[in-house]
PDB file of N, CA and C in Angstrom:
ATOM      1  N   MET A   1     108.176 137.794  65.733  1.00  0.00           N
ATOM      2  CA  MET A   1     107.294 136.689  66.027  1.00  0.00           C
ATOM      3  C   MET A   1     108.092 135.441  66.387  1.00  0.00           C
ATOM      4  N   SER A   2     109.216 135.226  65.748  1.00  0.00           N
ATOM      5  CA  SER A   2     110.040 134.068  66.091  1.00  0.00           C
ATOM      6  C   SER A   2     110.484 134.123  67.549  1.00  0.00           C
ATOM      7  N   GLY A   3     110.711 135.318  68.051  1.00  0.00           N
ATOM      8  CA  GLY A   3     111.065 135.478  69.459  1.00  0.00           C
ATOM      9  C   GLY A   3     109.932 135.054  70.375  1.00  0.00           C
ATOM     10  N   PHE A   4     108.700 135.387  70.000  1.00  0.00           N
ATOM     11  CA  PHE A   4     107.551 134.938  70.790  1.00  0.00           C
ATOM     12  C   PHE A   4     107.446 133.419  70.772  1.00  0.00           C
ATOM     13  N   ILE A   5     107.691 132.837  69.614  1.00  0.00           N
ATOM     14  CA  ILE A   5     107.627 131.379  69.503  1.00  0.00           C
ATOM     15  C   ILE A   5     108.704 130.744  70.378  1.00  0.00           C
ATOM     16  N   SER A   6     109.924 131.276  70.315  1.00  0.00           N
ATOM     17  CA  SER A   6     111.003 130.729  71.134  1.00  0.00           C
ATOM     18  C   SER A   6     110.715 130.855  72.622  1.00  0.00           C
ATOM     19  N   GLY A   7     110.124 131.981  73.020  1.00  0.00           N
ATOM     20  CA  GLY A   7     109.888 132.217  74.439  1.00  0.00           C
ATOM     21  C   GLY A   7     108.577 131.679  74.963  1.00  0.00           C
ATOM     22  N   GLU A   8     107.508 131.841  74.213  1.00  0.00           N
ATOM     23  CA  GLU A   8     106.170 131.513  74.717  1.00  0.00           C
ATOM     24  C   GLU A   8     105.411 130.540  73.832  1.00  0.00           C
ATOM     25  N   GLY A   9     106.088 129.979  72.833  1.00  0.00           N
ATOM     26  CA  GLY A   9     105.435 129.037  71.930  1.00  0.00           C
ATOM     27  C   GLY A   9     105.473 127.621  72.467  1.00  0.00           C
ATOM     28  N   ASN A  10     104.572 126.791  71.937  1.00  0.00           N
ATOM     29  CA  ASN A  10     104.505 125.403  72.352  1.00  0.00           C
ATOM     30  C   ASN A  10     104.069 124.548  71.174  1.00  0.00           C
ATOM     31  N   PHE A  11     104.803 123.486  70.956  1.00  0.00           N
ATOM     32  CA  PHE A  11     104.440 122.495  69.944  1.00  0.00           C
ATOM     33  C   PHE A  11     103.860 121.312  70.711  1.00  0.00           C
ATOM     34  N   TYR A  12     102.554 121.181  70.675  1.00  0.00           N
ATOM     35  CA  TYR A  12     101.813 120.273  71.545  1.00  0.00           C
ATOM     36  C   TYR A  12     101.398 119.017  70.787  1.00  0.00           C
ATOM     37  N   ILE A  13     101.763 117.870  71.347  1.00  0.00           N
ATOM     38  CA  ILE A  13     101.344 116.584  70.806  1.00  0.00           C
ATOM     39  C   ILE A  13     100.776 115.777  71.971  1.00  0.00           C
ATOM     40  N   PHE A  14      99.588 115.229  71.780  1.00  0.00           N
ATOM     41  CA  PHE A  14      98.957 114.424  72.828  1.00  0.00           C
ATOM     42  C   PHE A  14      98.304 113.220  72.170  1.00  0.00           C
ATOM     43  N   VAL A  15      98.517 112.056  72.744  1.00  0.00           N
ATOM     44  CA  VAL A  15      97.871 110.840  72.260  1.00  0.00           C
ATOM     45  C   VAL A  15      96.760 110.496  73.242  1.00  0.00           C
ATOM     46  N   ALA A  16      95.544 110.443  72.738  1.00  0.00           N
ATOM     47  CA  ALA A  16      94.368 110.222  73.584  1.00  0.00           C
ATOM     48  C   ALA A  16      93.629 108.967  73.143  1.00  0.00           C
ATOM     49  N   ASP A  17      92.953 108.358  74.088  1.00  0.00           N
ATOM     50  CA  ASP A  17      92.085 107.232  73.755  1.00  0.00           C
ATOM     51  C   ASP A  17      90.946 107.725  72.877  1.00  0.00           C
ATOM     52  N   SER A  18      90.520 106.863  71.953  1.00  0.00           N
ATOM     53  CA  SER A  18      89.453 107.238  71.032  1.00  0.00           C
ATOM     54  C   SER A  18      88.571 106.029  70.751  1.00  0.00           C
ATOM     55  N   LYS A  19      87.282 106.208  70.910  1.00  0.00           N
ATOM     56  CA  LYS A  19      86.333 105.138  70.603  1.00  0.00           C
ATOM     57  C   LYS A  19      86.056 105.048  69.112  1.00  0.00           C
ATOM     58  N   THR A  20      86.369 106.099  68.361  1.00  0.00           N
ATOM     59  CA  THR A  20      86.071 106.109  66.926  1.00  0.00           C
ATOM     60  C   THR A  20      87.246 105.679  66.057  1.00  0.00           C
ATOM     61  N   SER A  21      88.443 105.667  66.599  1.00  0.00           N
ATOM     62  CA  SER A  21      89.624 105.268  65.835  1.00  0.00           C
ATOM     63  C   SER A  21      89.768 103.749  65.829  1.00  0.00           C
ATOM     64  N   LYS A  22      90.148 103.189  64.706  1.00  0.00           N
ATOM     65  CA  LYS A  22      90.312 101.737  64.594  1.00  0.00           C
ATOM     66  C   LYS A  22      91.392 101.199  65.531  1.00  0.00           C
ATOM     67  N   ILE A  23      92.413 102.017  65.812  1.00  0.00           N
ATOM     68  CA  ILE A  23      93.485 101.550  66.695  1.00  0.00           C
ATOM     69  C   ILE A  23      93.267 101.980  68.141  1.00  0.00           C
ATOM     70  N   GLY A  24      92.163 102.659  68.404  1.00  0.00           N
ATOM     71  CA  GLY A  24      91.789 103.000  69.763  1.00  0.00           C
ATOM     72  C   GLY A  24      92.440 104.242  70.337  1.00  0.00           C
ATOM     73  N   GLN A  25      93.241 104.932  69.523  1.00  0.00           N
ATOM     74  CA  GLN A  25      93.874 106.170  69.981  1.00  0.00           C
ATOM     75  C   GLN A  25      93.924 107.160  68.837  1.00  0.00           C
ATOM     76  N   GLN A  26      93.991 108.435  69.219  1.00  0.00           N
ATOM     77  CA  GLN A  26      94.114 109.502  68.228  1.00  0.00           C
ATOM     78  C   GLN A  26      95.219 110.458  68.651  1.00  0.00           C
ATOM     79  N   VAL A  27      95.767 111.159  67.667  1.00  0.00           N
ATOM     80  CA  VAL A  27      96.818 112.132  67.934  1.00  0.00           C
ATOM     81  C   VAL A  27      96.212 113.525  67.851  1.00  0.00           C
ATOM     82  N   ILE A  28      96.410 114.295  68.913  1.00  0.00           N
ATOM     83  CA  ILE A  28      95.968 115.682  68.957  1.00  0.00           C
ATOM     84  C   ILE A  28      97.228 116.544  68.856  1.00  0.00           C
ATOM     85  N   TYR A  29      97.206 117.525  67.987  1.00  0.00           N
ATOM     86  CA  TYR A  29      98.372 118.369  67.757  1.00  0.00           C
ATOM     87  C   TYR A  29      97.931 119.821  67.702  1.00  0.00           C
ATOM     88  N   LYS A  30      98.784 120.681  68.274  1.00  0.00           N
ATOM     89  CA  LYS A  30      98.504 122.116  68.282  1.00  0.00           C
ATOM     90  C   LYS A  30      99.811 122.881  68.300  1.00  0.00           C
ATOM     91  N   PHE A  31      99.780 124.021  67.685  1.00  0.00           N
ATOM     92  CA  PHE A  31     100.833 125.012  67.849  1.00  0.00           C
ATOM     93  C   PHE A  31     100.196 126.154  68.613  1.00  0.00           C
ATOM     94  N   ARG A  32     100.887 126.632  69.653  1.00  0.00           N
ATOM     95  CA  ARG A  32     100.276 127.634  70.522  1.00  0.00           C
ATOM     96  C   ARG A  32     101.320 128.656  70.983  1.00  0.00           C
ATOM     97  N   ILE A  33     100.887 129.909  71.080  1.00  0.00           N
ATOM     98  CA  ILE A  33     101.671 130.974  71.712  1.00  0.00           C
ATOM     99  C   ILE A  33     100.801 131.556  72.814  1.00  0.00           C
ATOM    100  N   THR A  34     101.332 131.608  74.029  1.00  0.00           N
ATOM    101  CA  THR A  34     100.572 132.054  75.195  1.00  0.00           C
ATOM    102  C   THR A  34     101.074 133.407  75.684  1.00  0.00           C
ATOM    103  N   GLN A  35     100.133 134.273  76.038  1.00  0.00           N
ATOM    104  CA  GLN A  35     100.453 135.578  76.613  1.00  0.00           C
ATOM    105  C   GLN A  35      99.442 135.895  77.722  1.00  0.00           C
ATOM    106  N   HIS A  36      99.772 136.876  78.534  1.00  0.00           N
ATOM    107  CA  HIS A  36      98.828 137.367  79.537  1.00  0.00           C
ATOM    108  C   HIS A  36      97.642 137.995  78.803  1.00  0.00           C
ATOM    109  N   TYR A  37      96.475 137.943  79.411  1.00  0.00           N
ATOM    110  CA  TYR A  37      95.262 138.439  78.758  1.00  0.00           C
ATOM    111  C   TYR A  37      95.363 139.905  78.325  1.00  0.00           C
ATOM    112  N   ARG A  38      96.163 140.698  79.025  1.00  0.00           N
ATOM    113  CA  ARG A  38      96.286 142.108  78.645  1.00  0.00           C
ATOM    114  C   ARG A  38      96.862 142.275  77.228  1.00  0.00           C
ATOM    115  N   ASP A  39      97.463 141.197  76.688  1.00  0.00           N
ATOM    116  CA  ASP A  39      98.051 141.238  75.344  1.00  0.00           C
ATOM    117  C   ASP A  39      97.155 140.585  74.297  1.00  0.00           C
ATOM    118  N   VAL A  40      95.855 140.611  74.520  1.00  0.00           N
ATOM    119  CA  VAL A  40      94.913 139.992  73.594  1.00  0.00           C
ATOM    120  C   VAL A  40      95.022 140.595  72.196  1.00  0.00           C
ATOM    121  N   GLN A  41      95.270 141.898  72.092  1.00  0.00           N
ATOM    122  CA  GLN A  41      95.408 142.522  70.766  1.00  0.00           C
ATOM    123  C   GLN A  41      96.631 141.992  70.020  1.00  0.00           C
ATOM    124  N   LEU A  42      97.685 141.689  70.753  1.00  0.00           N
ATOM    125  CA  LEU A  42      98.886 141.107  70.146  1.00  0.00           C
ATOM    126  C   LEU A  42      98.556 139.753  69.538  1.00  0.00           C
ATOM    127  N   ILE A  43      97.846 138.926  70.286  1.00  0.00           N
ATOM    128  CA  ILE A  43      97.468 137.602  69.785  1.00  0.00           C
ATOM    129  C   ILE A  43      96.560 137.735  68.562  1.00  0.00           C
ATOM    130  N   LYS A  44      95.647 138.670  68.587  1.00  0.00           N
ATOM    131  CA  LYS A  44      94.787 138.903  67.424  1.00  0.00           C
ATOM    132  C   LYS A  44      95.616 139.302  66.207  1.00  0.00           C
ATOM    133  N   SER A  45      96.693 140.047  66.445  1.00  0.00           N
ATOM    134  CA  SER A  45      97.546 140.444  65.328  1.00  0.00           C
ATOM    135  C   SER A  45      98.292 139.243  64.737  1.00  0.00           C
ATOM    136  N   PHE A  46      98.591 138.228  65.562  1.00  0.00           N
ATOM    137  CA  PHE A  46      99.227 137.008  65.050  1.00  0.00           C
ATOM    138  C   PHE A  46      98.284 136.294  64.077  1.00  0.00           C
ATOM    139  N   ILE A  47      97.019 136.246  64.436  1.00  0.00           N
ATOM    140  CA  ILE A  47      96.026 135.596  63.579  1.00  0.00           C
ATOM    141  C   ILE A  47      95.960 136.310  62.228  1.00  0.00           C
ATOM    142  N   LYS A  48      95.929 137.622  62.275  1.00  0.00           N
ATOM    143  CA  LYS A  48      95.869 138.412  61.040  1.00  0.00           C
ATOM    144  C   LYS A  48      97.160 138.256  60.229  1.00  0.00           C
ATOM    145  N   TYR A  49      98.296 138.322  60.899  1.00  0.00           N
ATOM    146  CA  TYR A  49      99.588 138.243  60.215  1.00  0.00           C
ATOM    147  C   TYR A  49      99.814 136.875  59.576  1.00  0.00           C
ATOM    148  N   LEU A  50      99.505 135.810  60.315  1.00  0.00           N
ATOM    149  CA  LEU A  50      99.736 134.454  59.808  1.00  0.00           C
ATOM    150  C   LEU A  50      98.598 133.944  58.931  1.00  0.00           C
ATOM    151  N   ASN A  51      97.477 134.656  58.953  1.00  0.00           N
ATOM    152  CA  ASN A  51      96.314 134.285  58.143  1.00  0.00           C
ATOM    153  C   ASN A  51      95.765 132.906  58.507  1.00  0.00           C
ATOM    154  N   CYS A  52      95.888 132.564  59.779  1.00  0.00           N
ATOM    155  CA  CYS A  52      95.354 131.288  60.251  1.00  0.00           C
ATOM    156  C   CYS A  52      95.333 131.295  61.772  1.00  0.00           C
ATOM    157  N   GLY A  53      94.760 130.237  62.334  1.00  0.00           N
ATOM    158  CA  GLY A  53      94.729 130.093  63.780  1.00  0.00           C
ATOM    159  C   GLY A  53      93.508 130.749  64.390  1.00  0.00           C
ATOM    160  N   ARG A  54      93.438 130.662  65.709  1.00  0.00           N
ATOM    161  CA  ARG A  54      92.287 131.214  66.430  1.00  0.00           C
ATOM    162  C   ARG A  54      92.740 131.713  67.794  1.00  0.00           C
ATOM    163  N   LEU A  55      91.883 132.470  68.405  1.00  0.00           N
ATOM    164  CA  LEU A  55      92.106 133.022  69.734  1.00  0.00           C
ATOM    165  C   LEU A  55      91.423 132.121  70.756  1.00  0.00           C
ATOM    166  N   GLU A  56      92.148 131.747  71.796  1.00  0.00           N
ATOM    167  CA  GLU A  56      91.576 131.009  72.921  1.00  0.00           C
ATOM    168  C   GLU A  56      91.896 131.776  74.183  1.00  0.00           C
ATOM    169  N   THR A  57      90.905 131.907  75.053  1.00  0.00           N
ATOM    170  CA  THR A  57      91.130 132.661  76.275  1.00  0.00           C
ATOM    171  C   THR A  57      90.851 131.796  77.499  1.00  0.00           C
ATOM    172  N   ASP A  58      91.523 132.142  78.573  1.00  0.00           N
ATOM    173  CA  ASP A  58      91.303 131.553  79.878  1.00  0.00           C
ATOM    174  C   ASP A  58      91.247 132.724  80.846  1.00  0.00           C
ATOM    175  N   THR A  59      91.191 132.476  82.107  1.00  0.00           N
ATOM    176  CA  THR A  59      91.026 133.544  83.088  1.00  0.00           C
ATOM    177  C   THR A  59      92.026 134.678  82.918  1.00  0.00           C
ATOM    178  N   LYS A  60      93.302 134.346  82.908  1.00  0.00           N
ATOM    179  CA  LYS A  60      94.328 135.393  82.826  1.00  0.00           C
ATOM    180  C   LYS A  60      95.254 135.247  81.629  1.00  0.00           C
ATOM    181  N   ILE A  61      94.972 134.280  80.754  1.00  0.00           N
ATOM    182  CA  ILE A  61      95.847 134.084  79.602  1.00  0.00           C
ATOM    183  C   ILE A  61      95.051 134.097  78.308  1.00  0.00           C
ATOM    184  N   VAL A  62      95.774 134.337  77.251  1.00  0.00           N
ATOM    185  CA  VAL A  62      95.209 134.292  75.909  1.00  0.00           C
ATOM    186  C   VAL A  62      96.190 133.505  75.045  1.00  0.00           C
ATOM    187  N   ASN A  63      95.643 132.664  74.180  1.00  0.00           N
ATOM    188  CA  ASN A  63      96.469 131.822  73.320  1.00  0.00           C
ATOM    189  C   ASN A  63      96.183 132.082  71.858  1.00  0.00           C
ATOM    190  N   TYR A  64      97.243 132.122  71.078  1.00  0.00           N
ATOM    191  CA  TYR A  64      97.132 131.948  69.640  1.00  0.00           C
ATOM    192  C   TYR A  64      97.247 130.442  69.447  1.00  0.00           C
ATOM    193  N   THR A  65      96.248 129.816  68.841  1.00  0.00           N
ATOM    194  CA  THR A  65      96.250 128.370  68.668  1.00  0.00           C
ATOM    195  C   THR A  65      95.974 128.009  67.222  1.00  0.00           C
ATOM    196  N   CYS A  66      96.760 127.087  66.714  1.00  0.00           N
ATOM    197  CA  CYS A  66      96.548 126.554  65.375  1.00  0.00           C
ATOM    198  C   CYS A  66      96.558 125.036  65.493  1.00  0.00           C
ATOM    199  N   SER A  67      95.439 124.407  65.122  1.00  0.00           N
ATOM    200  CA  SER A  67      95.342 122.957  65.239  1.00  0.00           C
ATOM    201  C   SER A  67      94.786 122.292  63.978  1.00  0.00           C
ATOM    202  N   LYS A  68      94.684 123.043  62.905  1.00  0.00           N
ATOM    203  CA  LYS A  68      94.240 122.465  61.632  1.00  0.00           C
ATOM    204  C   LYS A  68      95.480 122.024  60.851  1.00  0.00           C
ATOM    205  N   LEU A  69      95.473 120.784  60.408  1.00  0.00           N
ATOM    206  CA  LEU A  69      96.629 120.247  59.698  1.00  0.00           C
ATOM    207  C   LEU A  69      96.996 121.110  58.497  1.00  0.00           C
ATOM    208  N   SER A  70      96.003 121.520  57.717  1.00  0.00           N
ATOM    209  CA  SER A  70      96.296 122.321  56.528  1.00  0.00           C
ATOM    210  C   SER A  70      96.959 123.647  56.889  1.00  0.00           C
ATOM    211  N   GLU A  71      96.515 124.285  57.960  1.00  0.00           N
ATOM    212  CA  GLU A  71      97.111 125.556  58.372  1.00  0.00           C
ATOM    213  C   GLU A  71      98.523 125.366  58.913  1.00  0.00           C
ATOM    214  N   ILE A  72      98.740 124.301  59.640  1.00  0.00           N
ATOM    215  CA  ILE A  72     100.087 124.020  60.147  1.00  0.00           C
ATOM    216  C   ILE A  72     101.037 123.766  58.979  1.00  0.00           C
ATOM    217  N   LEU A  73     100.568 122.981  57.993  1.00  0.00           N
ATOM    218  CA  LEU A  73     101.408 122.673  56.826  1.00  0.00           C
ATOM    219  C   LEU A  73     101.616 123.877  55.912  1.00  0.00           C
ATOM    220  N   ASP A  74     100.576 124.678  55.720  1.00  0.00           N
ATOM    221  CA  ASP A  74     100.639 125.770  54.744  1.00  0.00           C
ATOM    222  C   ASP A  74     101.162 127.089  55.299  1.00  0.00           C
ATOM    223  N   PHE A  75     101.017 127.307  56.612  1.00  0.00           N
ATOM    224  CA  PHE A  75     101.376 128.607  57.174  1.00  0.00           C
ATOM    225  C   PHE A  75     102.427 128.524  58.289  1.00  0.00           C
ATOM    226  N   ILE A  76     102.183 127.686  59.289  1.00  0.00           N
ATOM    227  CA  ILE A  76     103.059 127.671  60.471  1.00  0.00           C
ATOM    228  C   ILE A  76     104.437 127.128  60.150  1.00  0.00           C
ATOM    229  N   ILE A  77     104.507 125.939  59.587  1.00  0.00           N
ATOM    230  CA  ILE A  77     105.813 125.336  59.291  1.00  0.00           C
ATOM    231  C   ILE A  77     106.609 126.189  58.308  1.00  0.00           C
ATOM    232  N   PRO A  78     106.025 126.643  57.194  1.00  0.00           N
ATOM    233  CA  PRO A  78     106.799 127.512  56.294  1.00  0.00           C
ATOM    234  C   PRO A  78     107.287 128.797  56.969  1.00  0.00           C
ATOM    235  N   PHE A  79     106.444 129.394  57.822  1.00  0.00           N
ATOM    236  CA  PHE A  79     106.864 130.617  58.510  1.00  0.00           C
ATOM    237  C   PHE A  79     108.077 130.353  59.392  1.00  0.00           C
ATOM    238  N   ILE A  80     108.023 129.310  60.196  1.00  0.00           N
ATOM    239  CA  ILE A  80     109.140 129.023  61.106  1.00  0.00           C
ATOM    240  C   ILE A  80     110.376 128.561  60.338  1.00  0.00           C
ATOM    241  N   ASN A  81     110.186 127.886  59.226  1.00  0.00           N
ATOM    242  CA  ASN A  81     111.346 127.535  58.396  1.00  0.00           C
ATOM    243  C   ASN A  81     112.013 128.787  57.830  1.00  0.00           C
ATOM    244  N   LYS A  82     111.208 129.793  57.499  1.00  0.00           N
ATOM    245  CA  LYS A  82     111.753 131.036  56.948  1.00  0.00           C
ATOM    246  C   LYS A  82     112.384 131.903  58.030  1.00  0.00           C
ATOM    247  N   TYR A  83     111.692 132.029  59.157  1.00  0.00           N
ATOM    248  CA  TYR A  83     112.159 132.858  60.266  1.00  0.00           C
ATOM    249  C   TYR A  83     112.489 131.925  61.438  1.00  0.00           C
ATOM    250  N   GLN A  84     113.649 131.336  61.363  1.00  0.00           N
ATOM    251  CA  GLN A  84     114.036 130.256  62.265  1.00  0.00           C
ATOM    252  C   GLN A  84     113.986 130.641  63.741  1.00  0.00           C
ATOM    253  N   ILE A  85     113.694 129.635  64.534  1.00  0.00           N
ATOM    254  CA  ILE A  85     113.800 129.756  65.976  1.00  0.00           C
ATOM    255  C   ILE A  85     115.046 128.981  66.398  1.00  0.00           C
ATOM    256  N   TYR A  86     115.546 129.282  67.579  1.00  0.00           N
ATOM    257  CA  TYR A  86     116.804 128.695  68.023  1.00  0.00           C
ATOM    258  C   TYR A  86     116.640 128.062  69.400  1.00  0.00           C
ATOM    259  N   GLY A  87     117.662 127.341  69.798  1.00  0.00           N
ATOM    260  CA  GLY A  87     117.667 126.727  71.123  1.00  0.00           C
ATOM    261  C   GLY A  87     116.855 125.447  71.158  1.00  0.00           C
ATOM    262  N   VAL A  88     116.475 125.067  72.354  1.00  0.00           N
ATOM    263  CA  VAL A  88     115.734 123.828  72.572  1.00  0.00           C
ATOM    264  C   VAL A  88     114.405 123.837  71.811  1.00  0.00           C
ATOM    265  N   LYS A  89     113.777 124.988  71.718  1.00  0.00           N
ATOM    266  CA  LYS A  89     112.488 125.082  71.019  1.00  0.00           C
ATOM    267  C   LYS A  89     112.635 124.686  69.552  1.00  0.00           C
ATOM    268  N   ALA A  90     113.797 124.939  68.944  1.00  0.00           N
ATOM    269  CA  ALA A  90     114.035 124.530  67.563  1.00  0.00           C
ATOM    270  C   ALA A  90     114.051 123.007  67.450  1.00  0.00           C
ATOM    271  N   LEU A  91     114.561 122.336  68.470  1.00  0.00           N
ATOM    272  CA  LEU A  91     114.551 120.872  68.478  1.00  0.00           C
ATOM    273  C   LEU A  91     113.123 120.342  68.597  1.00  0.00           C
ATOM    274  N   ASP A  92     112.318 121.006  69.424  1.00  0.00           N
ATOM    275  CA  ASP A  92     110.909 120.622  69.551  1.00  0.00           C
ATOM    276  C   ASP A  92     110.171 120.841  68.230  1.00  0.00           C
ATOM    277  N   PHE A  93     110.487 121.921  67.546  1.00  0.00           N
ATOM    278  CA  PHE A  93     109.873 122.195  66.251  1.00  0.00           C
ATOM    279  C   PHE A  93     110.206 121.093  65.253  1.00  0.00           C
ATOM    280  N   LYS A  94     111.447 120.645  65.243  1.00  0.00           N
ATOM    281  CA  LYS A  94     111.857 119.571  64.331  1.00  0.00           C
ATOM    282  C   LYS A  94     111.066 118.296  64.626  1.00  0.00           C
ATOM    283  N   CYS A  95     110.922 117.945  65.895  1.00  0.00           N
ATOM    284  CA  CYS A  95     110.116 116.775  66.275  1.00  0.00           C
ATOM    285  C   CYS A  95     108.661 116.959  65.853  1.00  0.00           C
ATOM    286  N   PHE A  96     108.125 118.150  66.093  1.00  0.00           N
ATOM    287  CA  PHE A  96     106.750 118.468  65.707  1.00  0.00           C
ATOM    288  C   PHE A  96     106.563 118.279  64.201  1.00  0.00           C
ATOM    289  N   CYS A  97     107.501 118.776  63.416  1.00  0.00           N
ATOM    290  CA  CYS A  97     107.433 118.631  61.954  1.00  0.00           C
ATOM    291  C   CYS A  97     107.448 117.162  61.546  1.00  0.00           C
ATOM    292  N   ASN A  98     108.291 116.370  62.204  1.00  0.00           N
ATOM    293  CA  ASN A  98     108.343 114.936  61.896  1.00  0.00           C
ATOM    294  C   ASN A  98     106.998 114.268  62.175  1.00  0.00           C
ATOM    295  N   ILE A  99     106.380 114.626  63.290  1.00  0.00           N
ATOM    296  CA  ILE A  99     105.073 114.060  63.635  1.00  0.00           C
ATOM    297  C   ILE A  99     104.002 114.523  62.652  1.00  0.00           C
ATOM    298  N   ILE A 100     104.015 115.806  62.320  1.00  0.00           N
ATOM    299  CA  ILE A 100     103.033 116.332  61.366  1.00  0.00           C
ATOM    300  C   ILE A 100     103.180 115.637  60.014  1.00  0.00           C
ATOM    301  N   GLU A 101     104.395 115.349  59.603  1.00  0.00           N
ATOM    302  CA  GLU A 101     104.626 114.635  58.342  1.00  0.00           C
ATOM    303  C   GLU A 101     104.036 113.224  58.402  1.00  0.00           C
ATOM    304  N   LEU A 102     104.204 112.554  59.536  1.00  0.00           N
ATOM    305  CA  LEU A 102     103.603 111.222  59.704  1.00  0.00           C
ATOM    306  C   LEU A 102     102.079 111.306  59.636  1.00  0.00           C
ATOM    307  N   ILE A 103     101.513 112.333  60.247  1.00  0.00           N
ATOM    308  CA  ILE A 103     100.055 112.514  60.214  1.00  0.00           C
ATOM    309  C   ILE A 103      99.597 112.829  58.791  1.00  0.00           C
ATOM    310  N   LYS A 104     100.325 113.692  58.123  1.00  0.00           N
ATOM    311  CA  LYS A 104      99.989 114.046  56.734  1.00  0.00           C
ATOM    312  C   LYS A 104      99.940 112.792  55.862  1.00  0.00           C
ATOM    313  N   ASN A 105     100.855 111.857  56.125  1.00  0.00           N
ATOM    314  CA  ASN A 105     100.929 110.617  55.355  1.00  0.00           C
ATOM    315  C   ASN A 105     100.022 109.518  55.906  1.00  0.00           C
ATOM    316  N   LYS A 106      99.150 109.898  56.861  1.00  0.00           N
ATOM    317  CA  LYS A 106      98.156 108.995  57.459  1.00  0.00           C
ATOM    318  C   LYS A 106      98.772 107.839  58.250  1.00  0.00           C
ATOM    319  N   GLU A 107     100.046 107.975  58.638  1.00  0.00           N
ATOM    320  CA  GLU A 107     100.691 106.911  59.398  1.00  0.00           C
ATOM    321  C   GLU A 107     100.170 106.833  60.828  1.00  0.00           C
ATOM    322  N   HIS A 108      99.564 107.904  61.315  1.00  0.00           N
ATOM    323  CA  HIS A 108      99.003 107.897  62.669  1.00  0.00           C
ATOM    324  C   HIS A 108      97.806 106.958  62.797  1.00  0.00           C
ATOM    325  N   LEU A 109      97.321 106.465  61.670  1.00  0.00           N
ATOM    326  CA  LEU A 109      96.174 105.566  61.668  1.00  0.00           C
ATOM    327  C   LEU A 109      96.582 104.095  61.783  1.00  0.00           C
ATOM    328  N   THR A 110      97.880 103.839  61.889  1.00  0.00           N
ATOM    329  CA  THR A 110      98.391 102.483  62.063  1.00  0.00           C
ATOM    330  C   THR A 110      99.104 102.372  63.409  1.00  0.00           C
ATOM    331  N   SER A 111      99.158 101.182  63.930  1.00  0.00           N
ATOM    332  CA  SER A 111      99.855 100.965  65.212  1.00  0.00           C
ATOM    333  C   SER A 111     101.334 101.314  65.095  1.00  0.00           C
ATOM    334  N   GLU A 112     101.941 100.970  63.976  1.00  0.00           N
ATOM    335  CA  GLU A 112     103.364 101.256  63.777  1.00  0.00           C
ATOM    336  C   GLU A 112     103.611 102.762  63.717  1.00  0.00           C
ATOM    337  N   GLY A 113     102.771 103.468  62.977  1.00  0.00           N
ATOM    338  CA  GLY A 113     102.910 104.918  62.873  1.00  0.00           C
ATOM    339  C   GLY A 113     102.665 105.606  64.206  1.00  0.00           C
ATOM    340  N   LEU A 114     101.673 105.137  64.938  1.00  0.00           N
ATOM    341  CA  LEU A 114     101.389 105.707  66.250  1.00  0.00           C
ATOM    342  C   LEU A 114     102.568 105.483  67.197  1.00  0.00           C
ATOM    343  N   ALA A 115     103.184 104.324  67.112  1.00  0.00           N
ATOM    344  CA  ALA A 115     104.362 104.040  67.950  1.00  0.00           C
ATOM    345  C   ALA A 115     105.502 104.997  67.615  1.00  0.00           C
ATOM    346  N   LYS A 116     105.697 105.304  66.326  1.00  0.00           N
ATOM    347  CA  LYS A 116     106.721 106.277  65.921  1.00  0.00           C
ATOM    348  C   LYS A 116     106.413 107.651  66.513  1.00  0.00           C
ATOM    349  N   ILE A 117     105.155 108.043  66.430  1.00  0.00           N
ATOM    350  CA  ILE A 117     104.739 109.347  66.951  1.00  0.00           C
ATOM    351  C   ILE A 117     104.983 109.423  68.447  1.00  0.00           C
ATOM    352  N   ILE A 118     104.622 108.387  69.173  1.00  0.00           N
ATOM    353  CA  ILE A 118     104.826 108.371  70.625  1.00  0.00           C
ATOM    354  C   ILE A 118     106.311 108.432  70.959  1.00  0.00           C
ATOM    355  N   GLU A 119     107.123 107.740  70.199  1.00  0.00           N
ATOM    356  CA  GLU A 119     108.575 107.768  70.424  1.00  0.00           C
ATOM    357  C   GLU A 119     109.135 109.183  70.233  1.00  0.00           C
ATOM    358  N   ILE A 120     108.714 109.844  69.175  1.00  0.00           N
ATOM    359  CA  ILE A 120     109.171 111.218  68.917  1.00  0.00           C
ATOM    360  C   ILE A 120     108.631 112.155  69.993  1.00  0.00           C
ATOM    361  N   LYS A 121     107.337 112.034  70.298  1.00  0.00           N
ATOM    362  CA  LYS A 121     106.693 112.878  71.306  1.00  0.00           C
ATOM    363  C   LYS A 121     107.406 112.788  72.648  1.00  0.00           C
ATOM    364  N   ASN A 122     107.842 111.597  73.005  1.00  0.00           N
ATOM    365  CA  ASN A 122     108.492 111.390  74.295  1.00  0.00           C
ATOM    366  C   ASN A 122     109.878 112.033  74.385  1.00  0.00           C
ATOM    367  N   LYS A 123     110.344 112.611  73.308  1.00  0.00           N
ATOM    368  CA  LYS A 123     111.630 113.312  73.301  1.00  0.00           C
ATOM    369  C   LYS A 123     111.439 114.827  73.225  1.00  0.00           C
ATOM    370  N   MET A 124     110.193 115.278  73.294  1.00  0.00           N
ATOM    371  CA  MET A 124     109.886 116.702  73.136  1.00  0.00           C
ATOM    372  C   MET A 124     109.698 117.395  74.473  1.00  0.00           C
ATOM    373  N   ASN A 125     109.795 118.728  74.420  1.00  0.00           N
ATOM    374  CA  ASN A 125     109.470 119.633  75.524  1.00  0.00           C
ATOM    375  C   ASN A 125     110.192 119.233  76.805  1.00  0.00           C
ATOM    376  N   ARG A 126     109.484 119.046  77.876  1.00  0.00           N
ATOM    377  CA  ARG A 126     110.126 118.767  79.169  1.00  0.00           C
ATOM    378  C   ARG A 126     110.762 117.385  79.224  1.00  0.00           C
ATOM    379  N   ASN A 127     110.447 116.518  78.285  1.00  0.00           N
ATOM    380  CA  ASN A 127     111.017 115.180  78.279  1.00  0.00           C
ATOM    381  C   ASN A 127     112.398 115.133  77.628  1.00  0.00           C
ATOM    382  N   ARG A 128     112.802 116.243  77.026  1.00  0.00           N
ATOM    383  CA  ARG A 128     114.099 116.277  76.335  1.00  0.00           C
ATOM    384  C   ARG A 128     115.212 116.195  77.374  1.00  0.00           C
ATOM    385  N   SER A 129     116.158 115.298  77.122  1.00  0.00           N
ATOM    386  CA  SER A 129     117.277 115.159  78.076  1.00  0.00           C
ATOM    387  C   SER A 129     118.535 115.803  77.560  1.00  0.00           C
TER     388      SER A 129
END
């Protein structure tokens, strides 16, 4: 599974405008593994194995998606800490963990905390130099 995460996994952070948030923005976070639709049974097995997450489908792809804070904290992060991933994706995971920790501590509800999250987010995935 760590190989799937390294190859097809994504630690997704998005800051969106929000009319209900006091600071006018919200943080959306997801952990996702993407495969071709023909591998839908594989994705279903991830849900069973990790005991969390959900199946999302599109025309030709299927995603294992986990976006509940409790599941990310209780299942995803401990799993990846135990069965480490390597390379650039490991750096993205570290950034993701830092952001999740800020969210867990409710810092995303302040302008200062949101600024920290945006700073970390801007160093992830394709933005990594």
